[in-house]
Every structure is written in C-alpha cells, then in structure tokens.
C-alpha cells in the first residue's frame, strides 16, 4: 500500500524544521518549464543588450522564486520557439511548474508568472557542400 506524503502528518515542529532553498525550487521550476513543448530556453537577463539564453546549463538563472514556510511564488523568464502559440505554451508551463513544485516540495504554489523574453528561430542545418576538388 502506497501512502501519499503529507508533511503536516509526517513531521511536526518538535522534530525540527525543513527549509527548502529558493535555488532548489528554482531548479525544479526551470526543469519543469523546459519539459514543455515550445519552450526554447530560459532567459538569464540582459547582457550587453542581448538576452542571455540559458538552455540546459543553468536553469535557475531564468527563474525568480520567493519561498515562504508553506507557499511559493515563481517568475519565469523564457524564450519560446518560433511558431509556438505563446498563450498555450505559457499556460502549459504554469501548470507543469505548479505540479512539479507542489509534488516535490509539498509547498503550495500561489502564482507562476511567465515573462516572454524572446522568440528563437530554428535554423535548419544545411547539408555539407560538395568539395570542388576530389
């Protein structure tokens, strides 16, 4: 029989406290966002006027998280793939991030704000050119 985890039943204050770092929640949110079809990457902010694109190297950079004792709020800065429907991608990201954080941490997610920082055009790779000399 599998029991569902309920932090209020499993742990009380006399045993100690559990504090989940903002960075941990940020990584969970970033990974959950990248799972959504249409998300190209996370945006780390402006660097010399160009949006710094962080694909899989540091997902918490495109995420701002505020974590309380029982609740969390998340802001995600994402770049979408050209041709994706931005409202649909945004809602899917919100749902996936909320589900991931709540299931992994037990925190209640009160808001997931999506900030679209750009659109990425996929460039098709051209076949290698034939050599002139064989």
C-alpha atoms as a PDB file:
ATOM      1  CA  UNK A   1       0.000   0.000   0.000  1.00  0.00           C
ATOM      2  CA  UNK A   2       1.393   3.386  -1.033  1.00  0.00           C
ATOM      3  CA  UNK A   3       0.809   6.289   1.325  1.00  0.00           C
ATOM      4  CA  UNK A   4       0.638   9.823  -0.013  1.00  0.00           C
ATOM      5  CA  UNK A   5       3.133  12.147   1.641  1.00  0.00           C
ATOM      6  CA  UNK A   6       1.558  14.744   3.882  1.00  0.00           C
ATOM      7  CA  UNK A   7       4.202  16.925   5.573  1.00  0.00           C
ATOM      8  CA  UNK A   8       1.832  18.009   8.338  1.00  0.00           C
ATOM      9  CA  UNK A   9       1.202  14.402   9.368  1.00  0.00           C
ATOM     10  CA  UNK A  10       4.767  13.153   8.920  1.00  0.00           C
ATOM     11  CA  UNK A  11       6.697  15.913  10.653  1.00  0.00           C
ATOM     12  CA  UNK A  12       5.991  18.312  13.452  1.00  0.00           C
ATOM     13  CA  UNK A  13       7.994  21.171  14.932  1.00  0.00           C
ATOM     14  CA  UNK A  14       9.376  19.165  17.869  1.00  0.00           C
ATOM     15  CA  UNK A  15      11.374  17.085  15.351  1.00  0.00           C
ATOM     16  CA  UNK A  16      12.975  20.148  13.781  1.00  0.00           C
ATOM     17  CA  UNK A  17      12.264  22.235  10.727  1.00  0.00           C
ATOM     18  CA  UNK A  18      12.511  21.796   6.985  1.00  0.00           C
ATOM     19  CA  UNK A  19      13.577  24.752   4.853  1.00  0.00           C
ATOM     20  CA  UNK A  20      13.773  24.390   1.080  1.00  0.00           C
ATOM     21  CA  UNK A  21      16.208  26.823  -0.508  1.00  0.00           C
ATOM     22  CA  UNK A  22      14.960  29.200  -3.177  1.00  0.00           C
ATOM     23  CA  UNK A  23      17.578  27.794  -5.550  1.00  0.00           C
ATOM     24  CA  UNK A  24      16.170  24.278  -5.200  1.00  0.00           C
ATOM     25  CA  UNK A  25      12.666  25.441  -6.059  1.00  0.00           C
ATOM     26  CA  UNK A  26      14.174  27.480  -8.912  1.00  0.00           C
ATOM     27  CA  UNK A  27      15.847  24.429 -10.439  1.00  0.00           C
ATOM     28  CA  UNK A  28      12.632  22.403 -10.147  1.00  0.00           C
ATOM     29  CA  UNK A  29      10.728  25.220 -11.872  1.00  0.00           C
ATOM     30  CA  UNK A  30      13.345  25.577 -14.619  1.00  0.00           C
ATOM     31  CA  UNK A  31      13.403  21.860 -15.383  1.00  0.00           C
ATOM     32  CA  UNK A  32       9.595  21.700 -15.438  1.00  0.00           C
ATOM     33  CA  UNK A  33       9.449  24.691 -17.799  1.00  0.00           C
ATOM     34  CA  UNK A  34      11.978  23.133 -20.207  1.00  0.00           C
ATOM     35  CA  UNK A  35       9.824  19.983 -20.448  1.00  0.00           C
ATOM     36  CA  UNK A  36       7.059  21.943 -22.193  1.00  0.00           C
ATOM     37  CA  UNK A  37       6.949  21.775 -25.987  1.00  0.00           C
ATOM     38  CA  UNK A  38       7.521  25.246 -27.422  1.00  0.00           C
ATOM     39  CA  UNK A  39       9.969  26.437 -24.752  1.00  0.00           C
ATOM     40  CA  UNK A  40      13.345  27.015 -26.379  1.00  0.00           C
ATOM     41  CA  UNK A  41      15.234  28.070 -23.264  1.00  0.00           C
ATOM     42  CA  UNK A  42      15.402  30.223 -20.178  1.00  0.00           C
ATOM     43  CA  UNK A  43      16.483  33.831 -20.330  1.00  0.00           C
ATOM     44  CA  UNK A  44      19.005  34.959 -17.753  1.00  0.00           C
ATOM     45  CA  UNK A  45      18.528  38.667 -18.334  1.00  0.00           C
ATOM     46  CA  UNK A  46      20.099  41.326 -20.469  1.00  0.00           C
ATOM     47  CA  UNK A  47      23.801  41.123 -21.279  1.00  0.00           C
ATOM     48  CA  UNK A  48      25.112  43.967 -23.430  1.00  0.00           C
ATOM     49  CA  UNK A  49      21.614  44.477 -24.822  1.00  0.00           C
ATOM     50  CA  UNK A  50      21.255  40.842 -25.887  1.00  0.00           C
ATOM     51  CA  UNK A  51      19.175  38.348 -23.973  1.00  0.00           C
ATOM     52  CA  UNK A  52      21.417  35.712 -22.462  1.00  0.00           C
ATOM     53  CA  UNK A  53      19.941  32.357 -23.429  1.00  0.00           C
ATOM     54  CA  UNK A  54      20.411  29.542 -20.966  1.00  0.00           C
ATOM     55  CA  UNK A  55      19.286  26.236 -22.391  1.00  0.00           C
ATOM     56  CA  UNK A  56      20.154  23.376 -20.055  1.00  0.00           C
ATOM     57  CA  UNK A  57      23.255  24.695 -18.363  1.00  0.00           C
ATOM     58  CA  UNK A  58      21.798  26.774 -15.503  1.00  0.00           C
ATOM     59  CA  UNK A  59      18.026  26.667 -15.362  1.00  0.00           C
ATOM     60  CA  UNK A  60      17.650  28.572 -12.118  1.00  0.00           C
ATOM     61  CA  UNK A  61      19.085  31.731 -13.757  1.00  0.00           C
ATOM     62  CA  UNK A  62      15.859  32.356 -15.686  1.00  0.00           C
ATOM     63  CA  UNK A  63      13.754  31.841 -12.573  1.00  0.00           C
ATOM     64  CA  UNK A  64      12.968  34.074  -9.612  1.00  0.00           C
ATOM     65  CA  UNK A  65      11.397  32.349  -6.640  1.00  0.00           C
ATOM     66  CA  UNK A  66      10.000  33.527  -3.347  1.00  0.00           C
ATOM     67  CA  UNK A  67       9.577  30.707  -0.845  1.00  0.00           C
ATOM     68  CA  UNK A  68       7.731  31.004   2.446  1.00  0.00           C
ATOM     69  CA  UNK A  69       7.021  28.366   5.069  1.00  0.00           C
ATOM     70  CA  UNK A  70       4.095  26.850   3.164  1.00  0.00           C
ATOM     71  CA  UNK A  71       3.829  28.760  -0.119  1.00  0.00           C
ATOM     72  CA  UNK A  72       5.939  29.693  -3.122  1.00  0.00           C
ATOM     73  CA  UNK A  73       5.649  32.245  -5.931  1.00  0.00           C
ATOM     74  CA  UNK A  74       7.585  31.873  -9.182  1.00  0.00           C
ATOM     75  CA  UNK A  75       8.579  34.205 -12.039  1.00  0.00           C
ATOM     76  CA  UNK A  76       9.930  32.510 -15.185  1.00  0.00           C
ATOM     77  CA  UNK A  77      11.757  34.322 -17.979  1.00  0.00           C
ATOM     78  CA  UNK A  78      11.530  32.160 -21.089  1.00  0.00           C
ATOM     79  CA  UNK A  79      12.298  32.173 -24.795  1.00  0.00           C
ATOM     80  CA  UNK A  80       9.766  30.388 -26.999  1.00  0.00           C
ATOM     81  CA  UNK A  81      10.265  28.645 -30.313  1.00  0.00           C
ATOM     82  CA  UNK A  82       9.047  30.490 -33.396  1.00  0.00           C
ATOM     83  CA  UNK A  83       5.662  29.168 -34.496  1.00  0.00           C
ATOM     84  CA  UNK A  84       4.543  28.202 -30.996  1.00  0.00           C
ATOM     85  CA  UNK A  85       1.308  29.638 -29.659  1.00  0.00           C
ATOM     86  CA  UNK A  86       2.596  31.777 -26.810  1.00  0.00           C
ATOM     87  CA  UNK A  87      -0.596  31.707 -24.675  1.00  0.00           C
ATOM     88  CA  UNK A  88      -0.798  27.900 -24.929  1.00  0.00           C
ATOM     89  CA  UNK A  89       2.889  27.451 -24.113  1.00  0.00           C
ATOM     90  CA  UNK A  90       2.575  29.858 -21.166  1.00  0.00           C
ATOM     91  CA  UNK A  91      -0.410  28.035 -19.648  1.00  0.00           C
ATOM     92  CA  UNK A  92       1.309  24.661 -20.115  1.00  0.00           C
ATOM     93  CA  UNK A  93       4.438  25.999 -18.381  1.00  0.00           C
ATOM     94  CA  UNK A  94       2.365  27.386 -15.498  1.00  0.00           C
ATOM     95  CA  UNK A  95       0.593  24.052 -14.994  1.00  0.00           C
ATOM     96  CA  UNK A  96       3.751  21.938 -15.264  1.00  0.00           C
ATOM     97  CA  UNK A  97       5.764  24.164 -12.923  1.00  0.00           C
ATOM     98  CA  UNK A  98       2.978  24.282 -10.329  1.00  0.00           C
ATOM     99  CA  UNK A  99       2.528  20.499 -10.438  1.00  0.00           C
ATOM    100  CA  UNK A 100       6.276  19.804 -10.175  1.00  0.00           C
ATOM    101  CA  UNK A 101       6.915  22.151  -7.255  1.00  0.00           C
ATOM    102  CA  UNK A 102       3.862  21.046  -5.288  1.00  0.00           C
ATOM    103  CA  UNK A 103       4.550  17.336  -5.769  1.00  0.00           C
ATOM    104  CA  UNK A 104       8.282  17.537  -4.991  1.00  0.00           C
ATOM    105  CA  UNK A 105       8.270  20.016  -2.101  1.00  0.00           C
ATOM    106  CA  UNK A 106       4.796  19.988  -0.576  1.00  0.00           C
ATOM    107  CA  UNK A 107       4.679  23.785  -0.913  1.00  0.00           C
ATOM    108  CA  UNK A 108       1.528  25.422  -2.240  1.00  0.00           C
ATOM    109  CA  UNK A 109       2.307  27.453  -5.368  1.00  0.00           C
ATOM    110  CA  UNK A 110       0.298  30.678  -5.230  1.00  0.00           C
ATOM    111  CA  UNK A 111       1.405  32.103  -8.587  1.00  0.00           C
ATOM    112  CA  UNK A 112       3.535  31.298 -11.618  1.00  0.00           C
ATOM    113  CA  UNK A 113       4.230  34.403 -13.702  1.00  0.00           C
ATOM    114  CA  UNK A 114       5.565  33.910 -17.223  1.00  0.00           C
ATOM    115  CA  UNK A 115       7.706  36.606 -18.863  1.00  0.00           C
ATOM    116  CA  UNK A 116       8.331  36.004 -22.567  1.00  0.00           C
ATOM    117  CA  UNK A 117      11.800  37.392 -23.262  1.00  0.00           C
ATOM    118  CA  UNK A 118      12.140  36.426 -26.889  1.00  0.00           C
ATOM    119  CA  UNK A 119      11.378  34.150 -29.815  1.00  0.00           C
ATOM    120  CA  UNK A 120      14.009  31.821 -31.221  1.00  0.00           C
ATOM    121  CA  UNK A 121      14.084  30.898 -34.892  1.00  0.00           C
ATOM    122  CA  UNK A 122      15.301  27.378 -35.522  1.00  0.00           C
ATOM    123  CA  UNK A 123      17.788  27.302 -38.328  1.00  0.00           C
ATOM    124  CA  UNK A 124      17.787  24.176 -40.420  1.00  0.00           C
ATOM    125  CA  UNK A 125      21.182  22.677 -40.875  1.00  0.00           C
ATOM    126  CA  UNK A 126      22.271  22.704 -44.478  1.00  0.00           C
ATOM    127  CA  UNK A 127      23.876  19.574 -45.915  1.00  0.00           C
ATOM    128  CA  UNK A 128      27.651  19.892 -46.253  1.00  0.00           C
ATOM    129  CA  UNK A 129      28.653  21.470 -49.534  1.00  0.00           C
ATOM    130  CA  UNK A 130      30.310  19.219 -52.091  1.00  0.00           C
ATOM    131  CA  UNK A 131      34.012  19.715 -52.341  1.00  0.00           C
ATOM    132  CA  UNK A 132      35.213  21.259 -55.558  1.00  0.00           C
ATOM    133  CA  UNK A 133      38.280  19.090 -55.666  1.00  0.00           C
ATOM    134  CA  UNK A 134      38.260  15.343 -55.090  1.00  0.00           C
END
